[in-house]
Amino acid sequence: MECIPEVEQFFEPMPEAGAVVITVTFEERDGKTHLVAHELYPSKEARDGALESGMEHGMRETMDQLEELIATLR
């Protein structure tokens, strides 16, 4: 599969925390595509609230599903 580097940035409003800036980058490393995701919260309290909400588990689950999907495309 060919790697096509791409960057996507978007804002996700969180009612109790304000806007979260999410940047997703697809990078080529040694012929493979790596997904790098960064989330910038407006405060430590907003970040802690997101972690307490279970979002980390949800993201891990989403990445596992993406990995399974990609495996079917090879």
PDB file of N, CA and C in Angstrom:
ATOM      1  N   MET A   1       0.835  -1.176   0.000  1.00  0.00           N
ATOM      2  CA  MET A   1       0.000   0.000   0.000  1.00  0.00           C
ATOM      3  C   MET A   1       0.880   1.240   0.000  1.00  0.00           C
ATOM      4  N   GLU A   2       0.500   2.227  -0.740  1.00  0.00           N
ATOM      5  CA  GLU A   2       1.237   3.474  -0.797  1.00  0.00           C
ATOM      6  C   GLU A   2       0.809   4.366   0.359  1.00  0.00           C
ATOM      7  N   CYS A   3       1.770   5.038   0.952  1.00  0.00           N
ATOM      8  CA  CYS A   3       1.467   5.996   2.017  1.00  0.00           C
ATOM      9  C   CYS A   3       1.275   7.375   1.394  1.00  0.00           C
ATOM     10  N   ILE A   4       0.199   8.012   1.735  1.00  0.00           N
ATOM     11  CA  ILE A   4      -0.052   9.377   1.287  1.00  0.00           C
ATOM     12  C   ILE A   4      -0.128  10.258   2.521  1.00  0.00           C
ATOM     13  N   PRO A   5       0.963  10.984   2.828  1.00  0.00           N
ATOM     14  CA  PRO A   5       0.954  11.818   4.033  1.00  0.00           C
ATOM     15  C   PRO A   5      -0.176  12.840   3.979  1.00  0.00           C
ATOM     16  N   GLU A   6      -0.827  13.011   5.073  1.00  0.00           N
ATOM     17  CA  GLU A   6      -1.976  13.914   5.141  1.00  0.00           C
ATOM     18  C   GLU A   6      -2.102  14.427   6.575  1.00  0.00           C
ATOM     19  N   VAL A   7      -2.547  15.646   6.703  1.00  0.00           N
ATOM     20  CA  VAL A   7      -2.787  16.234   8.018  1.00  0.00           C
ATOM     21  C   VAL A   7      -4.210  16.745   8.038  1.00  0.00           C
ATOM     22  N   GLU A   8      -4.900  16.435   9.103  1.00  0.00           N
ATOM     23  CA  GLU A   8      -6.270  16.908   9.276  1.00  0.00           C
ATOM     24  C   GLU A   8      -6.357  17.526  10.663  1.00  0.00           C
ATOM     25  N   GLN A   9      -6.914  18.731  10.728  1.00  0.00           N
ATOM     26  CA  GLN A   9      -7.085  19.383  12.021  1.00  0.00           C
ATOM     27  C   GLN A   9      -8.528  19.826  12.137  1.00  0.00           C
ATOM     28  N   PHE A  10      -9.108  19.597  13.305  1.00  0.00           N
ATOM     29  CA  PHE A  10     -10.474  20.025  13.516  1.00  0.00           C
ATOM     30  C   PHE A  10     -10.682  20.354  14.982  1.00  0.00           C
ATOM     31  N   PHE A  11     -11.769  21.026  15.260  1.00  0.00           N
ATOM     32  CA  PHE A  11     -12.109  21.442  16.611  1.00  0.00           C
ATOM     33  C   PHE A  11     -13.345  20.679  17.050  1.00  0.00           C
ATOM     34  N   GLU A  12     -13.296  20.163  18.251  1.00  0.00           N
ATOM     35  CA  GLU A  12     -14.440  19.449  18.783  1.00  0.00           C
ATOM     36  C   GLU A  12     -14.941  20.197  20.007  1.00  0.00           C
ATOM     37  N   PRO A  13     -16.141  20.782  19.917  1.00  0.00           N
ATOM     38  CA  PRO A  13     -16.656  21.486  21.083  1.00  0.00           C
ATOM     39  C   PRO A  13     -17.041  20.506  22.188  1.00  0.00           C
ATOM     40  N   MET A  14     -16.654  20.821  23.399  1.00  0.00           N
ATOM     41  CA  MET A  14     -17.050  20.039  24.565  1.00  0.00           C
ATOM     42  C   MET A  14     -17.836  20.980  25.462  1.00  0.00           C
ATOM     43  N   PRO A  15     -19.105  20.701  25.694  1.00  0.00           N
ATOM     44  CA  PRO A  15     -19.957  21.640  26.424  1.00  0.00           C
ATOM     45  C   PRO A  15     -19.364  22.147  27.730  1.00  0.00           C
ATOM     46  N   GLU A  16     -18.727  21.269  28.491  1.00  0.00           N
ATOM     47  CA  GLU A  16     -18.217  21.687  29.793  1.00  0.00           C
ATOM     48  C   GLU A  16     -16.778  22.172  29.749  1.00  0.00           C
ATOM     49  N   ALA A  17     -16.085  22.030  28.603  1.00  0.00           N
ATOM     50  CA  ALA A  17     -14.654  22.327  28.581  1.00  0.00           C
ATOM     51  C   ALA A  17     -14.238  23.345  27.538  1.00  0.00           C
ATOM     52  N   GLY A  18     -15.077  23.668  26.589  1.00  0.00           N
ATOM     53  CA  GLY A  18     -14.656  24.532  25.502  1.00  0.00           C
ATOM     54  C   GLY A  18     -14.214  23.688  24.319  1.00  0.00           C
ATOM     55  N   ALA A  19     -13.450  24.288  23.419  1.00  0.00           N
ATOM     56  CA  ALA A  19     -13.039  23.581  22.203  1.00  0.00           C
ATOM     57  C   ALA A  19     -11.754  22.796  22.433  1.00  0.00           C
ATOM     58  N   VAL A  20     -11.719  21.604  21.891  1.00  0.00           N
ATOM     59  CA  VAL A  20     -10.527  20.765  21.902  1.00  0.00           C
ATOM     60  C   VAL A  20      -9.984  20.775  20.477  1.00  0.00           C
ATOM     61  N   VAL A  21      -8.700  21.067  20.327  1.00  0.00           N
ATOM     62  CA  VAL A  21      -8.071  21.049  19.008  1.00  0.00           C
ATOM     63  C   VAL A  21      -7.492  19.651  18.804  1.00  0.00           C
ATOM     64  N   ILE A  22      -7.950  18.977  17.760  1.00  0.00           N
ATOM     65  CA  ILE A  22      -7.494  17.622  17.466  1.00  0.00           C
ATOM     66  C   ILE A  22      -6.764  17.654  16.125  1.00  0.00           C
ATOM     67  N   THR A  23      -5.529  17.176  16.129  1.00  0.00           N
ATOM     68  CA  THR A  23      -4.737  17.115  14.913  1.00  0.00           C
ATOM     69  C   THR A  23      -4.393  15.654  14.635  1.00  0.00           C
ATOM     70  N   VAL A  24      -4.738  15.187  13.448  1.00  0.00           N
ATOM     71  CA  VAL A  24      -4.442  13.810  13.037  1.00  0.00           C
ATOM     72  C   VAL A  24      -3.508  13.883  11.837  1.00  0.00           C
ATOM     73  N   THR A  25      -2.386  13.187  11.939  1.00  0.00           N
ATOM     74  CA  THR A  25      -1.391  13.195  10.882  1.00  0.00           C
ATOM     75  C   THR A  25      -1.117  11.768  10.437  1.00  0.00           C
ATOM     76  N   PHE A  26      -1.077  11.556   9.136  1.00  0.00           N
ATOM     77  CA  PHE A  26      -0.658  10.276   8.576  1.00  0.00           C
ATOM     78  C   PHE A  26       0.745  10.488   8.026  1.00  0.00           C
ATOM     79  N   GLU A  27       1.722   9.745   8.575  1.00  0.00           N
ATOM     80  CA  GLU A  27       3.115   9.917   8.197  1.00  0.00           C
ATOM     81  C   GLU A  27       3.676   8.619   7.645  1.00  0.00           C
ATOM     82  N   GLU A  28       4.591   8.746   6.693  1.00  0.00           N
ATOM     83  CA  GLU A  28       5.281   7.576   6.155  1.00  0.00           C
ATOM     84  C   GLU A  28       6.546   7.369   6.959  1.00  0.00           C
ATOM     85  N   ARG A  29       6.719   6.142   7.441  1.00  0.00           N
ATOM     86  CA  ARG A  29       7.941   5.762   8.156  1.00  0.00           C
ATOM     87  C   ARG A  29       8.350   4.379   7.671  1.00  0.00           C
ATOM     88  N   ASP A  30       9.503   4.313   7.047  1.00  0.00           N
ATOM     89  CA  ASP A  30      10.025   3.035   6.549  1.00  0.00           C
ATOM     90  C   ASP A  30       9.018   2.299   5.677  1.00  0.00           C
ATOM     91  N   GLY A  31       8.319   3.044   4.828  1.00  0.00           N
ATOM     92  CA  GLY A  31       7.371   2.441   3.904  1.00  0.00           C
ATOM     93  C   GLY A  31       6.024   2.083   4.507  1.00  0.00           C
ATOM     94  N   LYS A  32       5.805   2.447   5.750  1.00  0.00           N
ATOM     95  CA  LYS A  32       4.527   2.158   6.414  1.00  0.00           C
ATOM     96  C   LYS A  32       3.873   3.465   6.838  1.00  0.00           C
ATOM     97  N   THR A  33       2.565   3.417   6.949  1.00  0.00           N
ATOM     98  CA  THR A  33       1.822   4.600   7.368  1.00  0.00           C
ATOM     99  C   THR A  33       1.627   4.570   8.876  1.00  0.00           C
ATOM    100  N   HIS A  34       1.947   5.685   9.522  1.00  0.00           N
ATOM    101  CA  HIS A  34       1.733   5.831  10.955  1.00  0.00           C
ATOM    102  C   HIS A  34       0.715   6.942  11.181  1.00  0.00           C
ATOM    103  N   LEU A  35      -0.245   6.667  12.016  1.00  0.00           N
ATOM    104  CA  LEU A  35      -1.248   7.657  12.384  1.00  0.00           C
ATOM    105  C   LEU A  35      -0.803   8.271  13.702  1.00  0.00           C
ATOM    106  N   VAL A  36      -0.724   9.589  13.733  1.00  0.00           N
ATOM    107  CA  VAL A  36      -0.362  10.309  14.948  1.00  0.00           C
ATOM    108  C   VAL A  36      -1.511  11.255  15.259  1.00  0.00           C
ATOM    109  N   ALA A  37      -2.063  11.136  16.463  1.00  0.00           N
ATOM    110  CA  ALA A  37      -3.182  11.998  16.871  1.00  0.00           C
ATOM    111  C   ALA A  37      -2.787  12.783  18.116  1.00  0.00           C
ATOM    112  N   HIS A  38      -3.030  14.080  18.070  1.00  0.00           N
ATOM    113  CA  HIS A  38      -2.772  14.956  19.213  1.00  0.00           C
ATOM    114  C   HIS A  38      -4.070  15.674  19.561  1.00  0.00           C
ATOM    115  N   GLU A  39      -4.338  15.768  20.846  1.00  0.00           N
ATOM    116  CA  GLU A  39      -5.499  16.520  21.319  1.00  0.00           C
ATOM    117  C   GLU A  39      -5.007  17.587  22.275  1.00  0.00           C
ATOM    118  N   LEU A  40      -5.409  18.824  22.023  1.00  0.00           N
ATOM    119  CA  LEU A  40      -5.010  19.950  22.868  1.00  0.00           C
ATOM    120  C   LEU A  40      -6.248  20.469  23.591  1.00  0.00           C
ATOM    121  N   TYR A  41      -6.244  20.315  24.898  1.00  0.00           N
ATOM    122  CA  TYR A  41      -7.382  20.742  25.724  1.00  0.00           C
ATOM    123  C   TYR A  41      -7.130  22.140  26.257  1.00  0.00           C
ATOM    124  N   PRO A  42      -8.194  22.898  26.490  1.00  0.00           N
ATOM    125  CA  PRO A  42      -8.016  24.276  26.957  1.00  0.00           C
ATOM    126  C   PRO A  42      -7.490  24.368  28.390  1.00  0.00           C
ATOM    127  N   SER A  43      -7.548  23.275  29.142  1.00  0.00           N
ATOM    128  CA  SER A  43      -7.048  23.297  30.518  1.00  0.00           C
ATOM    129  C   SER A  43      -6.771  21.872  30.987  1.00  0.00           C
ATOM    130  N   LYS A  44      -6.006  21.761  32.057  1.00  0.00           N
ATOM    131  CA  LYS A  44      -5.728  20.462  32.655  1.00  0.00           C
ATOM    132  C   LYS A  44      -7.023  19.828  33.142  1.00  0.00           C
ATOM    133  N   GLU A  45      -7.911  20.642  33.670  1.00  0.00           N
ATOM    134  CA  GLU A  45      -9.186  20.137  34.175  1.00  0.00           C
ATOM    135  C   GLU A  45     -10.030  19.538  33.046  1.00  0.00           C
ATOM    136  N   ALA A  46     -10.009  20.182  31.883  1.00  0.00           N
ATOM    137  CA  ALA A  46     -10.750  19.660  30.724  1.00  0.00           C
ATOM    138  C   ALA A  46     -10.164  18.334  30.277  1.00  0.00           C
ATOM    139  N   ARG A  47      -8.831  18.264  30.242  1.00  0.00           N
ATOM    140  CA  ARG A  47      -8.180  17.004  29.860  1.00  0.00           C
ATOM    141  C   ARG A  47      -8.509  15.894  30.845  1.00  0.00           C
ATOM    142  N   ASP A  48      -8.419  16.204  32.133  1.00  0.00           N
ATOM    143  CA  ASP A  48      -8.715  15.208  33.166  1.00  0.00           C
ATOM    144  C   ASP A  48     -10.163  14.740  33.074  1.00  0.00           C
ATOM    145  N   GLY A  49     -11.071  15.664  32.773  1.00  0.00           N
ATOM    146  CA  GLY A  49     -12.478  15.301  32.618  1.00  0.00           C
ATOM    147  C   GLY A  49     -12.695  14.360  31.448  1.00  0.00           C
ATOM    148  N   ALA A  50     -11.984  14.607  30.356  1.00  0.00           N
ATOM    149  CA  ALA A  50     -12.098  13.732  29.188  1.00  0.00           C
ATOM    150  C   ALA A  50     -11.584  12.334  29.519  1.00  0.00           C
ATOM    151  N   LEU A  51     -10.457  12.269  30.227  1.00  0.00           N
ATOM    152  CA  LEU A  51      -9.909  10.966  30.610  1.00  0.00           C
ATOM    153  C   LEU A  51     -10.846  10.215  31.546  1.00  0.00           C
ATOM    154  N   GLU A  52     -11.457  10.943  32.467  1.00  0.00           N
ATOM    155  CA  GLU A  52     -12.387  10.320  33.413  1.00  0.00           C
ATOM    156  C   GLU A  52     -13.659   9.835  32.731  1.00  0.00           C
ATOM    157  N   SER A  53     -13.970  10.397  31.574  1.00  0.00           N
ATOM    158  CA  SER A  53     -15.201  10.027  30.867  1.00  0.00           C
ATOM    159  C   SER A  53     -15.093   8.679  30.151  1.00  0.00           C
ATOM    160  N   GLY A  54     -13.874   8.133  30.082  1.00  0.00           N
ATOM    161  CA  GLY A  54     -13.685   6.868  29.388  1.00  0.00           C
ATOM    162  C   GLY A  54     -13.246   7.026  27.943  1.00  0.00           C
ATOM    163  N   MET A  55     -12.939   8.250  27.534  1.00  0.00           N
ATOM    164  CA  MET A  55     -12.567   8.481  26.136  1.00  0.00           C
ATOM    165  C   MET A  55     -11.307   7.736  25.740  1.00  0.00           C
ATOM    166  N   GLU A  56     -10.401   7.518  26.682  1.00  0.00           N
ATOM    167  CA  GLU A  56      -9.168   6.798  26.361  1.00  0.00           C
ATOM    168  C   GLU A  56      -9.487   5.361  25.929  1.00  0.00           C
ATOM    169  N   HIS A  57     -10.371   4.707  26.655  1.00  0.00           N
ATOM    170  CA  HIS A  57     -10.788   3.349  26.292  1.00  0.00           C
ATOM    171  C   HIS A  57     -11.448   3.354  24.910  1.00  0.00           C
ATOM    172  N   GLY A  58     -12.299   4.336  24.668  1.00  0.00           N
ATOM    173  CA  GLY A  58     -12.971   4.438  23.376  1.00  0.00           C
ATOM    174  C   GLY A  58     -11.998   4.638  22.231  1.00  0.00           C
ATOM    175  N   MET A  59     -10.968   5.454  22.447  1.00  0.00           N
ATOM    176  CA  MET A  59      -9.959   5.678  21.401  1.00  0.00           C
ATOM    177  C   MET A  59      -9.158   4.416  21.132  1.00  0.00           C
ATOM    178  N   ARG A  60      -8.801   3.698  22.186  1.00  0.00           N
ATOM    179  CA  ARG A  60      -8.059   2.446  21.999  1.00  0.00           C
ATOM    180  C   ARG A  60      -8.896   1.448  21.202  1.00  0.00           C
ATOM    181  N   GLU A  61     -10.169   1.377  21.520  1.00  0.00           N
ATOM    182  CA  GLU A  61     -11.076   0.477  20.805  1.00  0.00           C
ATOM    183  C   GLU A  61     -11.183   0.876  19.330  1.00  0.00           C
ATOM    184  N   THR A  62     -11.289   2.167  19.076  1.00  0.00           N
ATOM    185  CA  THR A  62     -11.369   2.666  17.702  1.00  0.00           C
ATOM    186  C   THR A  62     -10.099   2.337  16.924  1.00  0.00           C
ATOM    187  N   MET A  63      -8.934   2.529  17.540  1.00  0.00           N
ATOM    188  CA  MET A  63      -7.671   2.226  16.864  1.00  0.00           C
ATOM    189  C   MET A  63      -7.540   0.728  16.593  1.00  0.00           C
ATOM    190  N   ASP A  64      -8.010  -0.107  17.511  1.00  0.00           N
ATOM    191  CA  ASP A  64      -7.991  -1.558  17.280  1.00  0.00           C
ATOM    192  C   ASP A  64      -8.866  -1.927  16.085  1.00  0.00           C
ATOM    193  N   GLN A  65     -10.030  -1.295  15.998  1.00  0.00           N
ATOM    194  CA  GLN A  65     -10.934  -1.563  14.870  1.00  0.00           C
ATOM    195  C   GLN A  65     -10.328  -1.091  13.561  1.00  0.00           C
ATOM    196  N   LEU A  66      -9.656   0.055  13.584  1.00  0.00           N
ATOM    197  CA  LEU A  66      -8.989   0.559  12.381  1.00  0.00           C
ATOM    198  C   LEU A  66      -7.880  -0.396  11.943  1.00  0.00           C
ATOM    199  N   GLU A  67      -7.114  -0.896  12.894  1.00  0.00           N
ATOM    200  CA  GLU A  67      -6.053  -1.841  12.574  1.00  0.00           C
ATOM    201  C   GLU A  67      -6.616  -3.115  11.944  1.00  0.00           C
ATOM    202  N   GLU A  68      -7.729  -3.604  12.471  1.00  0.00           N
ATOM    203  CA  GLU A  68      -8.378  -4.798  11.903  1.00  0.00           C
ATOM    204  C   GLU A  68      -8.858  -4.530  10.477  1.00  0.00           C
ATOM    205  N   LEU A  69      -9.431  -3.358  10.241  1.00  0.00           N
ATOM    206  CA  LEU A  69      -9.905  -3.008   8.908  1.00  0.00           C
ATOM    207  C   LEU A  69      -8.749  -2.938   7.918  1.00  0.00           C
ATOM    208  N   ILE A  70      -7.679  -2.293   8.321  1.00  0.00           N
ATOM    209  CA  ILE A  70      -6.519  -2.148   7.442  1.00  0.00           C
ATOM    210  C   ILE A  70      -5.950  -3.522   7.083  1.00  0.00           C
ATOM    211  N   ALA A  71      -5.946  -4.444   8.037  1.00  0.00           N
ATOM    212  CA  ALA A  71      -5.425  -5.790   7.775  1.00  0.00           C
ATOM    213  C   ALA A  71      -6.222  -6.478   6.669  1.00  0.00           C
ATOM    214  N   THR A  72      -7.503  -6.181   6.551  1.00  0.00           N
ATOM    215  CA  THR A  72      -8.318  -6.804   5.509  1.00  0.00           C
ATOM    216  C   THR A  72      -8.042  -6.212   4.143  1.00  0.00           C
ATOM    217  N   LEU A  73      -7.388  -5.055   4.084  1.00  0.00           N
ATOM    218  CA  LEU A  73      -7.126  -4.378   2.813  1.00  0.00           C
ATOM    219  C   LEU A  73      -5.793  -4.782   2.212  1.00  0.00           C
ATOM    220  N   ARG A  74      -4.995  -5.490   2.955  1.00  0.00           N
ATOM    221  CA  ARG A  74      -3.651  -5.863   2.478  1.00  0.00           C
ATOM    222  C   ARG A  74      -3.718  -7.018   1.522  1.00  0.00           C
TER     223      ARG A  74
END
